[in-house]
Amino acid sequence: MGRLYSYICPSCGGHLDTDDSRKLMICRSCGNTYDYDYFSGENLLKSADKALAHNNFSAAKDMYSFMLDKEPSNVKALTGLLLANNNSGRLYDITQKIKDGTFSAAGFDLVKYKDTADPEVLTFFEKTDRILALYKEYIALKKDLKRLEAEKKDSEPEISEPGGGLFSYASEKTLKTTVVVASAVFVILLTAAILSGFNGPAQALSTAVLVIAMIVTGIIILAALIQLRDNKKAAEEPAAQEPDETEKNRLEIERVIGEINDVFKEISSLS
């Protein structure tokens, strides 16, 4: 019977010890006994499934392998062995292993059963081969993404922090209000300068002060207008940009992962 000591009890999930003299298996936990014939066909598959559900992957692997040695075309046992080989309780968990970088392609090595399986079961192996092909594509895309991110980081110009301009943090409403108010002040100062004239030292000094105030007001108006122009330009630029190579690569990775999940769903439907 092979490594029967690795089987688990169908009743409680405990480990079974063998009594070769009586051809029995005895549960260490609940004491239930089973004869060797119990672990054949559907009973063996149920026991293997239970081991898989308890994350007892080694025992599940032994039972699925034992069953497939006799029935290499049993798709349920093939799927179970695939899961046990990958230390996973669900096919979705294998997808997570691929994304986490903990997946090993060796867990898909079922060639010995492919060579002896019935023709109608070959669909199962076609789908596992498809998973491996998609996995290779995924690895290549991840490698390209790493390279693209490094190149992008090296080629990106340094972006200066905001705050260099007089109105860098001002809102659009504040900027427009500043332009209107400063323009009004500029007109008032210009009028006052014209009326004061340059008759005598006192008037000349007053006019000079007004001119300086006009210059400062003009600078404020110009700075606000420039900031309004820059804000408008910055708001329009992102909309005009197309996805770069890095973003396209990420979209391709998502597509591959989605296709892997679809193939796993197809495998589940077979069993």
C-alpha atoms as a PDB file:
ATOM      1  CA  MET A   1       0.000   0.000   0.000  1.00  0.00           C
ATOM      2  CA  GLY A   2       2.990   2.344   0.140  1.00  0.00           C
ATOM      3  CA  ARG A   3       3.251   5.170   2.661  1.00  0.00           C
ATOM      4  CA  LEU A   4      -0.036   4.598   4.409  1.00  0.00           C
ATOM      5  CA  TYR A   5       1.297   6.131   7.621  1.00  0.00           C
ATOM      6  CA  SER A   6       0.894   9.540   6.031  1.00  0.00           C
ATOM      7  CA  TYR A   7      -2.872   9.114   5.578  1.00  0.00           C
ATOM      8  CA  ILE A   8      -5.272  10.988   7.831  1.00  0.00           C
ATOM      9  CA  CYS A   9      -8.484   9.902   9.520  1.00  0.00           C
ATOM     10  CA  PRO A  10     -11.614  10.692   7.454  1.00  0.00           C
ATOM     11  CA  SER A  11     -13.514  11.257  10.730  1.00  0.00           C
ATOM     12  CA  CYS A  12     -11.313  13.641  12.702  1.00  0.00           C
ATOM     13  CA  GLY A  13      -8.340  14.476  10.486  1.00  0.00           C
ATOM     14  CA  GLY A  14      -5.839  12.773  12.796  1.00  0.00           C
ATOM     15  CA  HIS A  15      -2.864  10.718  11.604  1.00  0.00           C
ATOM     16  CA  LEU A  16      -3.320   6.986  10.965  1.00  0.00           C
ATOM     17  CA  ASP A  17      -0.906   4.300  12.120  1.00  0.00           C
ATOM     18  CA  THR A  18      -0.757   0.974  10.291  1.00  0.00           C
ATOM     19  CA  ASP A  19      -1.155  -2.502  11.724  1.00  0.00           C
ATOM     20  CA  ASP A  20       0.198  -4.727   8.961  1.00  0.00           C
ATOM     21  CA  SER A  21      -0.642  -7.925  10.811  1.00  0.00           C
ATOM     22  CA  ARG A  22      -4.360  -7.090  10.780  1.00  0.00           C
ATOM     23  CA  LYS A  23      -4.273  -4.993   7.596  1.00  0.00           C
ATOM     24  CA  LEU A  24      -5.771  -2.095   9.509  1.00  0.00           C
ATOM     25  CA  MET A  25      -5.095   1.602   9.987  1.00  0.00           C
ATOM     26  CA  ILE A  26      -5.773   3.098  13.419  1.00  0.00           C
ATOM     27  CA  CYS A  27      -6.348   6.794  14.148  1.00  0.00           C
ATOM     28  CA  ARG A  28      -4.078   8.175  16.847  1.00  0.00           C
ATOM     29  CA  SER A  29      -6.701  10.753  17.850  1.00  0.00           C
ATOM     30  CA  CYS A  30     -10.159   9.182  17.812  1.00  0.00           C
ATOM     31  CA  GLY A  31      -9.228   5.480  17.699  1.00  0.00           C
ATOM     32  CA  ASN A  32     -11.288   4.674  14.596  1.00  0.00           C
ATOM     33  CA  THR A  33      -9.964   1.805  12.484  1.00  0.00           C
ATOM     34  CA  TYR A  34     -10.029   1.347   8.713  1.00  0.00           C
ATOM     35  CA  ASP A  35      -9.050  -1.581   6.550  1.00  0.00           C
ATOM     36  CA  TYR A  36      -6.769  -1.111   3.604  1.00  0.00           C
ATOM     37  CA  ASP A  37      -9.636  -1.480   1.145  1.00  0.00           C
ATOM     38  CA  TYR A  38     -11.295   1.604   2.630  1.00  0.00           C
ATOM     39  CA  PHE A  39      -8.587   3.752   1.087  1.00  0.00           C
ATOM     40  CA  SER A  40      -9.402   3.041  -2.531  1.00  0.00           C
ATOM     41  CA  GLY A  41     -11.494   4.859  -5.099  1.00  0.00           C
ATOM     42  CA  GLU A  42     -13.802   7.531  -3.722  1.00  0.00           C
ATOM     43  CA  ASN A  43     -12.838   6.871  -0.115  1.00  0.00           C
ATOM     44  CA  LEU A  44      -9.185   7.518  -0.909  1.00  0.00           C
ATOM     45  CA  LEU A  45     -10.073  10.683  -2.798  1.00  0.00           C
ATOM     46  CA  LYS A  46     -12.179  11.940   0.120  1.00  0.00           C
ATOM     47  CA  SER A  47      -9.340  11.282   2.537  1.00  0.00           C
ATOM     48  CA  ALA A  48      -6.885  13.085   0.265  1.00  0.00           C
ATOM     49  CA  ASP A  49      -9.264  16.042  -0.064  1.00  0.00           C
ATOM     50  CA  LYS A  50      -9.584  16.186   3.709  1.00  0.00           C
ATOM     51  CA  ALA A  51      -5.800  16.187   4.120  1.00  0.00           C
ATOM     52  CA  LEU A  52      -5.619  19.045   1.623  1.00  0.00           C
ATOM     53  CA  ALA A  53      -8.296  20.981   3.518  1.00  0.00           C
ATOM     54  CA  HIS A  54      -6.235  20.592   6.721  1.00  0.00           C
ATOM     55  CA  ASN A  55      -3.117  21.895   4.899  1.00  0.00           C
ATOM     56  CA  ASN A  56      -1.515  18.464   5.350  1.00  0.00           C
ATOM     57  CA  PHE A  57       0.040  18.782   1.917  1.00  0.00           C
ATOM     58  CA  SER A  58       2.543  15.943   2.294  1.00  0.00           C
ATOM     59  CA  ALA A  59      -0.154  13.390   3.174  1.00  0.00           C
ATOM     60  CA  ALA A  60      -2.458  14.698   0.448  1.00  0.00           C
ATOM     61  CA  LYS A  61       0.343  14.442  -2.095  1.00  0.00           C
ATOM     62  CA  ASP A  62       1.010  10.806  -1.121  1.00  0.00           C
ATOM     63  CA  MET A  63      -2.652   9.851  -1.432  1.00  0.00           C
ATOM     64  CA  TYR A  64      -3.269  11.653  -4.726  1.00  0.00           C
ATOM     65  CA  SER A  65      -0.074  10.123  -6.159  1.00  0.00           C
ATOM     66  CA  PHE A  66      -1.073   6.636  -4.989  1.00  0.00           C
ATOM     67  CA  MET A  67      -4.488   7.034  -6.592  1.00  0.00           C
ATOM     68  CA  LEU A  68      -3.048   8.391  -9.866  1.00  0.00           C
ATOM     69  CA  ASP A  69      -0.647   5.477 -10.139  1.00  0.00           C
ATOM     70  CA  LYS A  70      -3.773   3.363 -10.596  1.00  0.00           C
ATOM     71  CA  GLU A  71      -6.033   5.972 -12.285  1.00  0.00           C
ATOM     72  CA  PRO A  72      -3.851   8.471 -14.191  1.00  0.00           C
ATOM     73  CA  SER A  73      -6.949   9.943 -15.871  1.00  0.00           C
ATOM     74  CA  ASN A  74      -8.682  10.994 -12.628  1.00  0.00           C
ATOM     75  CA  VAL A  75      -8.968  14.776 -13.071  1.00  0.00           C
ATOM     76  CA  LYS A  76      -9.995  15.353  -9.437  1.00  0.00           C
ATOM     77  CA  ALA A  77      -6.862  13.586  -8.237  1.00  0.00           C
ATOM     78  CA  LEU A  78      -4.750  15.474 -10.790  1.00  0.00           C
ATOM     79  CA  THR A  79      -6.130  18.803  -9.574  1.00  0.00           C
ATOM     80  CA  GLY A  80      -5.609  17.766  -5.963  1.00  0.00           C
ATOM     81  CA  LEU A  81      -1.996  16.757  -6.636  1.00  0.00           C
ATOM     82  CA  LEU A  82      -1.418  20.058  -8.418  1.00  0.00           C
ATOM     83  CA  LEU A  83      -2.603  21.890  -5.302  1.00  0.00           C
ATOM     84  CA  ALA A  84      -0.647  19.671  -2.905  1.00  0.00           C
ATOM     85  CA  ASN A  85       2.537  20.112  -4.945  1.00  0.00           C
ATOM     86  CA  ASN A  86       2.127  23.870  -4.623  1.00  0.00           C
ATOM     87  CA  ASN A  87       1.217  23.795  -0.895  1.00  0.00           C
ATOM     88  CA  SER A  88      -2.106  25.443  -1.733  1.00  0.00           C
ATOM     89  CA  GLY A  89      -5.669  24.699  -0.736  1.00  0.00           C
ATOM     90  CA  ARG A  90      -7.199  26.588  -3.692  1.00  0.00           C
ATOM     91  CA  LEU A  91      -6.100  27.284  -7.238  1.00  0.00           C
ATOM     92  CA  TYR A  92      -6.457  31.008  -6.480  1.00  0.00           C
ATOM     93  CA  ASP A  93      -3.712  30.587  -3.864  1.00  0.00           C
ATOM     94  CA  ILE A  94      -1.302  29.579  -6.638  1.00  0.00           C
ATOM     95  CA  THR A  95      -2.039  32.873  -8.389  1.00  0.00           C
ATOM     96  CA  GLN A  96      -1.133  34.666  -5.159  1.00  0.00           C
ATOM     97  CA  LYS A  97       2.144  32.722  -5.015  1.00  0.00           C
ATOM     98  CA  ILE A  98       2.932  33.894  -8.540  1.00  0.00           C
ATOM     99  CA  LYS A  99       2.270  37.502  -7.550  1.00  0.00           C
ATOM    100  CA  ASP A 100       4.222  37.150  -4.285  1.00  0.00           C
ATOM    101  CA  GLY A 101       7.211  35.597  -6.036  1.00  0.00           C
ATOM    102  CA  THR A 102       6.979  32.328  -4.067  1.00  0.00           C
ATOM    103  CA  PHE A 103       5.705  30.154  -6.921  1.00  0.00           C
ATOM    104  CA  SER A 104       7.817  27.240  -8.178  1.00  0.00           C
ATOM    105  CA  ALA A 105       7.176  25.799 -11.640  1.00  0.00           C
ATOM    106  CA  ALA A 106       8.340  22.413 -10.324  1.00  0.00           C
ATOM    107  CA  GLY A 107       4.939  22.061  -8.655  1.00  0.00           C
ATOM    108  CA  PHE A 108       3.385  21.672 -12.113  1.00  0.00           C
ATOM    109  CA  ASP A 109       5.495  18.648 -13.031  1.00  0.00           C
ATOM    110  CA  LEU A 110       2.795  16.070 -13.827  1.00  0.00           C
ATOM    111  CA  VAL A 111       4.413  14.673 -16.982  1.00  0.00           C
ATOM    112  CA  LYS A 112       4.438  11.072 -15.697  1.00  0.00           C
ATOM    113  CA  TYR A 113       0.629  11.097 -15.614  1.00  0.00           C
ATOM    114  CA  LYS A 114       0.269  12.952 -18.908  1.00  0.00           C
ATOM    115  CA  ASP A 115       2.008  10.140 -20.771  1.00  0.00           C
ATOM    116  CA  THR A 116      -0.414   7.495 -19.471  1.00  0.00           C
ATOM    117  CA  ALA A 117      -3.656   9.483 -19.232  1.00  0.00           C
ATOM    118  CA  ASP A 118      -6.616   8.982 -21.551  1.00  0.00           C
ATOM    119  CA  PRO A 119      -6.900  11.379 -24.538  1.00  0.00           C
ATOM    120  CA  GLU A 120      -9.962  13.121 -23.070  1.00  0.00           C
ATOM    121  CA  VAL A 121      -7.904  14.199 -20.054  1.00  0.00           C
ATOM    122  CA  LEU A 122      -5.285  15.953 -22.176  1.00  0.00           C
ATOM    123  CA  THR A 123      -7.318  19.167 -21.863  1.00  0.00           C
ATOM    124  CA  PHE A 124      -6.231  19.317 -18.225  1.00  0.00           C
ATOM    125  CA  PHE A 125      -2.557  19.185 -19.209  1.00  0.00           C
ATOM    126  CA  GLU A 126      -3.062  21.730 -21.974  1.00  0.00           C
ATOM    127  CA  LYS A 127      -4.339  24.149 -19.364  1.00  0.00           C
ATOM    128  CA  THR A 128      -1.481  23.486 -16.933  1.00  0.00           C
ATOM    129  CA  ASP A 129       0.943  24.048 -19.827  1.00  0.00           C
ATOM    130  CA  ARG A 130      -0.875  27.327 -20.523  1.00  0.00           C
ATOM    131  CA  ILE A 131      -0.389  28.374 -16.902  1.00  0.00           C
ATOM    132  CA  LEU A 132       3.360  27.758 -17.184  1.00  0.00           C
ATOM    133  CA  ALA A 133       3.527  29.738 -20.446  1.00  0.00           C
ATOM    134  CA  LEU A 134       1.680  32.647 -18.834  1.00  0.00           C
ATOM    135  CA  TYR A 135       3.974  32.430 -15.816  1.00  0.00           C
ATOM    136  CA  LYS A 136       7.026  32.800 -18.075  1.00  0.00           C
ATOM    137  CA  GLU A 137       5.379  35.809 -19.729  1.00  0.00           C
ATOM    138  CA  TYR A 138       4.646  37.272 -16.293  1.00  0.00           C
ATOM    139  CA  ILE A 139       8.285  36.882 -15.190  1.00  0.00           C
ATOM    140  CA  ALA A 140       9.519  38.558 -18.398  1.00  0.00           C
ATOM    141  CA  LEU A 141       7.101  41.466 -17.914  1.00  0.00           C
ATOM    142  CA  LYS A 142       8.158  41.903 -14.278  1.00  0.00           C
ATOM    143  CA  LYS A 143      11.807  42.006 -15.361  1.00  0.00           C
ATOM    144  CA  ASP A 144      10.992  44.623 -18.010  1.00  0.00           C
ATOM    145  CA  LEU A 145       9.034  46.662 -15.470  1.00  0.00           C
ATOM    146  CA  LYS A 146      11.993  46.746 -13.123  1.00  0.00           C
ATOM    147  CA  ARG A 147      14.240  47.928 -15.961  1.00  0.00           C
ATOM    148  CA  LEU A 148      11.753  50.578 -17.121  1.00  0.00           C
ATOM    149  CA  GLU A 149      11.303  51.931 -13.600  1.00  0.00           C
ATOM    150  CA  ALA A 150      15.078  52.219 -13.189  1.00  0.00           C
ATOM    151  CA  GLU A 151      15.431  53.998 -16.546  1.00  0.00           C
ATOM    152  CA  LYS A 152      12.568  56.342 -15.740  1.00  0.00           C
ATOM    153  CA  LYS A 153      14.074  57.209 -12.386  1.00  0.00           C
ATOM    154  CA  ASP A 154      17.442  58.003 -13.994  1.00  0.00           C
ATOM    155  CA  SER A 155      15.945  60.104 -16.804  1.00  0.00           C
ATOM    156  CA  GLU A 156      13.427  62.136 -14.817  1.00  0.00           C
ATOM    157  CA  PRO A 157      14.542  65.757 -14.232  1.00  0.00           C
ATOM    158  CA  GLU A 158      14.558  67.010 -10.705  1.00  0.00           C
ATOM    159  CA  ILE A 159      11.275  68.693  -9.878  1.00  0.00           C
ATOM    160  CA  SER A 160      11.656  71.848  -7.884  1.00  0.00           C
ATOM    161  CA  GLU A 161       9.516  72.196  -4.827  1.00  0.00           C
ATOM    162  CA  PRO A 162       6.638  74.695  -5.023  1.00  0.00           C
ATOM    163  CA  GLY A 163       7.066  78.000  -3.307  1.00  0.00           C
ATOM    164  CA  GLY A 164       9.621  79.635  -5.586  1.00  0.00           C
ATOM    165  CA  GLY A 165       7.179  82.228  -6.875  1.00  0.00           C
ATOM    166  CA  LEU A 166       5.390  85.042  -5.076  1.00  0.00           C
ATOM    167  CA  PHE A 167       1.994  83.330  -5.484  1.00  0.00           C
ATOM    168  CA  SER A 168       2.974  79.644  -5.743  1.00  0.00           C
ATOM    169  CA  TYR A 169       0.447  78.519  -3.112  1.00  0.00           C
ATOM    170  CA  ALA A 170      -2.329  80.995  -3.974  1.00  0.00           C
ATOM    171  CA  SER A 171      -5.666  79.756  -5.279  1.00  0.00           C
ATOM    172  CA  GLU A 172      -7.040  80.855  -8.640  1.00  0.00           C
ATOM    173  CA  LYS A 173      -9.645  83.016  -6.891  1.00  0.00           C
ATOM    174  CA  THR A 174      -6.973  84.765  -4.816  1.00  0.00           C
ATOM    175  CA  LEU A 175      -4.835  85.394  -7.881  1.00  0.00           C
ATOM    176  CA  LYS A 176      -7.709  86.940  -9.844  1.00  0.00           C
ATOM    177  CA  THR A 177      -8.715  89.098  -6.884  1.00  0.00           C
ATOM    178  CA  THR A 178      -5.103  90.244  -6.524  1.00  0.00           C
ATOM    179  CA  VAL A 179      -4.957  91.281 -10.190  1.00  0.00           C
ATOM    180  CA  VAL A 180      -8.215  93.275  -9.932  1.00  0.00           C
ATOM    181  CA  VAL A 181      -7.336  95.035  -6.659  1.00  0.00           C
ATOM    182  CA  ALA A 182      -3.718  95.737  -7.634  1.00  0.00           C
ATOM    183  CA  SER A 183      -4.855  97.138 -10.984  1.00  0.00           C
ATOM    184  CA  ALA A 184      -7.255  99.492  -9.213  1.00  0.00           C
ATOM    185  CA  VAL A 185      -4.504 100.603  -6.811  1.00  0.00           C
ATOM    186  CA  PHE A 186      -2.154 101.152  -9.776  1.00  0.00           C
ATOM    187  CA  VAL A 187      -4.706 103.463 -11.461  1.00  0.00           C
ATOM    188  CA  ILE A 188      -5.200 105.407  -8.229  1.00  0.00           C
ATOM    189  CA  LEU A 189      -1.440 105.809  -7.734  1.00  0.00           C
ATOM    190  CA  LEU A 190      -0.975 106.905 -11.346  1.00  0.00           C
ATOM    191  CA  THR A 191      -3.706 109.516 -10.999  1.00  0.00           C
ATOM    192  CA  ALA A 192      -2.226 110.796  -7.730  1.00  0.00           C
ATOM    193  CA  ALA A 193       1.241 111.022  -9.288  1.00  0.00           C
ATOM    194  CA  ILE A 194      -0.073 113.045 -12.216  1.00  0.00           C
ATOM    195  CA  LEU A 195      -1.971 115.435  -9.960  1.00  0.00           C
ATOM    196  CA  SER A 196       0.900 115.968  -7.500  1.00  0.00           C
ATOM    197  CA  GLY A 197       3.297 117.138 -10.176  1.00  0.00           C
ATOM    198  CA  PHE A 198       6.928 118.118  -9.468  1.00  0.00           C
ATOM    199  CA  ASN A 199       6.490 121.669  -8.161  1.00  0.00           C
ATOM    200  CA  GLY A 200       8.926 121.997  -5.304  1.00  0.00           C
ATOM    201  CA  PRO A 201      10.953 119.415  -3.356  1.00  0.00           C
ATOM    202  CA  ALA A 202       7.948 118.220  -1.313  1.00  0.00           C
ATOM    203  CA  GLN A 203       5.823 117.474  -4.374  1.00  0.00           C
ATOM    204  CA  ALA A 204       8.762 115.821  -6.152  1.00  0.00           C
ATOM    205  CA  LEU A 205       9.371 113.495  -3.177  1.00  0.00           C
ATOM    206  CA  SER A 206       5.672 112.644  -2.991  1.00  0.00           C
ATOM    207  CA  THR A 207       5.561 111.885  -6.691  1.00  0.00           C
ATOM    208  CA  ALA A 208       8.691 109.691  -6.432  1.00  0.00           C
ATOM    209  CA  VAL A 209       7.063 107.655  -3.642  1.00  0.00           C
ATOM    210  CA  LEU A 210       3.952 107.235  -5.751  1.00  0.00           C
ATOM    211  CA  VAL A 211       6.016 106.057  -8.727  1.00  0.00           C
ATOM    212  CA  ILE A 212       7.834 103.480  -6.555  1.00  0.00           C
ATOM    213  CA  ALA A 213       4.452 102.254  -5.236  1.00  0.00           C
ATOM    214  CA  MET A 214       3.242 101.988  -8.825  1.00  0.00           C
ATOM    215  CA  ILE A 215       6.272  99.861  -9.754  1.00  0.00           C
ATOM    216  CA  VAL A 216       5.698  97.509  -6.799  1.00  0.00           C
ATOM    217  CA  THR A 217       2.011  97.260  -7.669  1.00  0.00           C
ATOM    218  CA  GLY A 218       2.888  96.499 -11.286  1.00  0.00           C
ATOM    219  CA  ILE A 219       5.262  93.709 -10.176  1.00  0.00           C
ATOM    220  CA  ILE A 220       2.484  92.190  -8.054  1.00  0.00           C
ATOM    221  CA  ILE A 221       0.079  92.295 -11.021  1.00  0.00           C
ATOM    222  CA  LEU A 222       2.663  90.693 -13.321  1.00  0.00           C
ATOM    223  CA  ALA A 223       3.517  87.937 -10.796  1.00  0.00           C
ATOM    224  CA  ALA A 224      -0.165  87.065 -10.314  1.00  0.00           C
ATOM    225  CA  LEU A 225      -0.755  86.914 -14.078  1.00  0.00           C
ATOM    226  CA  ILE A 226       2.299  84.676 -14.609  1.00  0.00           C
ATOM    227  CA  GLN A 227       1.132  82.315 -11.847  1.00  0.00           C
ATOM    228  CA  LEU A 228      -2.337  82.118 -13.390  1.00  0.00           C
ATOM    229  CA  ARG A 229      -0.746  81.181 -16.727  1.00  0.00           C
ATOM    230  CA  ASP A 230       1.502  78.512 -15.124  1.00  0.00           C
ATOM    231  CA  ASN A 231      -1.416  76.997 -13.181  1.00  0.00           C
ATOM    232  CA  LYS A 232      -3.478  76.718 -16.345  1.00  0.00           C
ATOM    233  CA  LYS A 233      -0.611  75.083 -18.213  1.00  0.00           C
ATOM    234  CA  ALA A 234       0.024  72.584 -15.383  1.00  0.00           C
ATOM    235  CA  ALA A 235      -3.685  71.644 -15.292  1.00  0.00           C
ATOM    236  CA  GLU A 236      -3.755  70.947 -19.037  1.00  0.00           C
ATOM    237  CA  GLU A 237      -0.538  68.870 -19.271  1.00  0.00           C
ATOM    238  CA  PRO A 238      -1.666  65.624 -17.505  1.00  0.00           C
ATOM    239  CA  ALA A 239      -4.738  65.319 -19.743  1.00  0.00           C
ATOM    240  CA  ALA A 240      -2.558  65.494 -22.837  1.00  0.00           C
ATOM    241  CA  GLN A 241      -0.112  62.825 -21.680  1.00  0.00           C
ATOM    242  CA  GLU A 242      -0.429  59.248 -22.965  1.00  0.00           C
ATOM    243  CA  PRO A 243       0.387  56.229 -20.750  1.00  0.00           C
ATOM    244  CA  ASP A 244       4.149  55.700 -20.688  1.00  0.00           C
ATOM    245  CA  GLU A 245       5.919  52.365 -21.214  1.00  0.00           C
ATOM    246  CA  THR A 246       5.938  51.672 -17.481  1.00  0.00           C
ATOM    247  CA  GLU A 247       2.172  52.034 -17.228  1.00  0.00           C
ATOM    248  CA  LYS A 248       1.634  49.908 -20.352  1.00  0.00           C
ATOM    249  CA  ASN A 249       3.823  47.209 -18.797  1.00  0.00           C
ATOM    250  CA  ARG A 250       1.753  47.233 -15.585  1.00  0.00           C
ATOM    251  CA  LEU A 251      -1.442  46.861 -17.624  1.00  0.00           C
ATOM    252  CA  GLU A 252       0.079  43.856 -19.422  1.00  0.00           C
ATOM    253  CA  ILE A 253       0.972  42.280 -16.057  1.00  0.00           C
ATOM    254  CA  GLU A 254      -2.624  42.715 -14.888  1.00  0.00           C
ATOM    255  CA  ARG A 255      -3.841  41.116 -18.123  1.00  0.00           C
ATOM    256  CA  VAL A 256      -1.590  38.069 -17.637  1.00  0.00           C
ATOM    257  CA  ILE A 257      -2.694  37.613 -14.011  1.00  0.00           C
ATOM    258  CA  GLY A 258      -6.322  37.855 -15.104  1.00  0.00           C
ATOM    259  CA  GLU A 259      -5.757  35.220 -17.786  1.00  0.00           C
ATOM    260  CA  ILE A 260      -4.057  32.919 -15.261  1.00  0.00           C
ATOM    261  CA  ASN A 261      -7.121  33.174 -13.020  1.00  0.00           C
ATOM    262  CA  ASP A 262      -9.373  32.413 -15.997  1.00  0.00           C
ATOM    263  CA  VAL A 263      -7.386  29.250 -16.833  1.00  0.00           C
ATOM    264  CA  PHE A 264      -7.558  28.125 -13.198  1.00  0.00           C
ATOM    265  CA  LYS A 265     -11.355  28.560 -13.334  1.00  0.00           C
ATOM    266  CA  GLU A 266     -11.382  26.335 -16.412  1.00  0.00           C
ATOM    267  CA  ILE A 267      -9.324  23.710 -14.570  1.00  0.00           C
ATOM    268  CA  SER A 268     -11.784  23.820 -11.651  1.00  0.00           C
ATOM    269  CA  SER A 269     -14.678  23.226 -14.037  1.00  0.00           C
ATOM    270  CA  LEU A 270     -12.978  20.074 -15.345  1.00  0.00           C
ATOM    271  CA  SER A 271     -12.942  18.447 -11.934  1.00  0.00           C
END
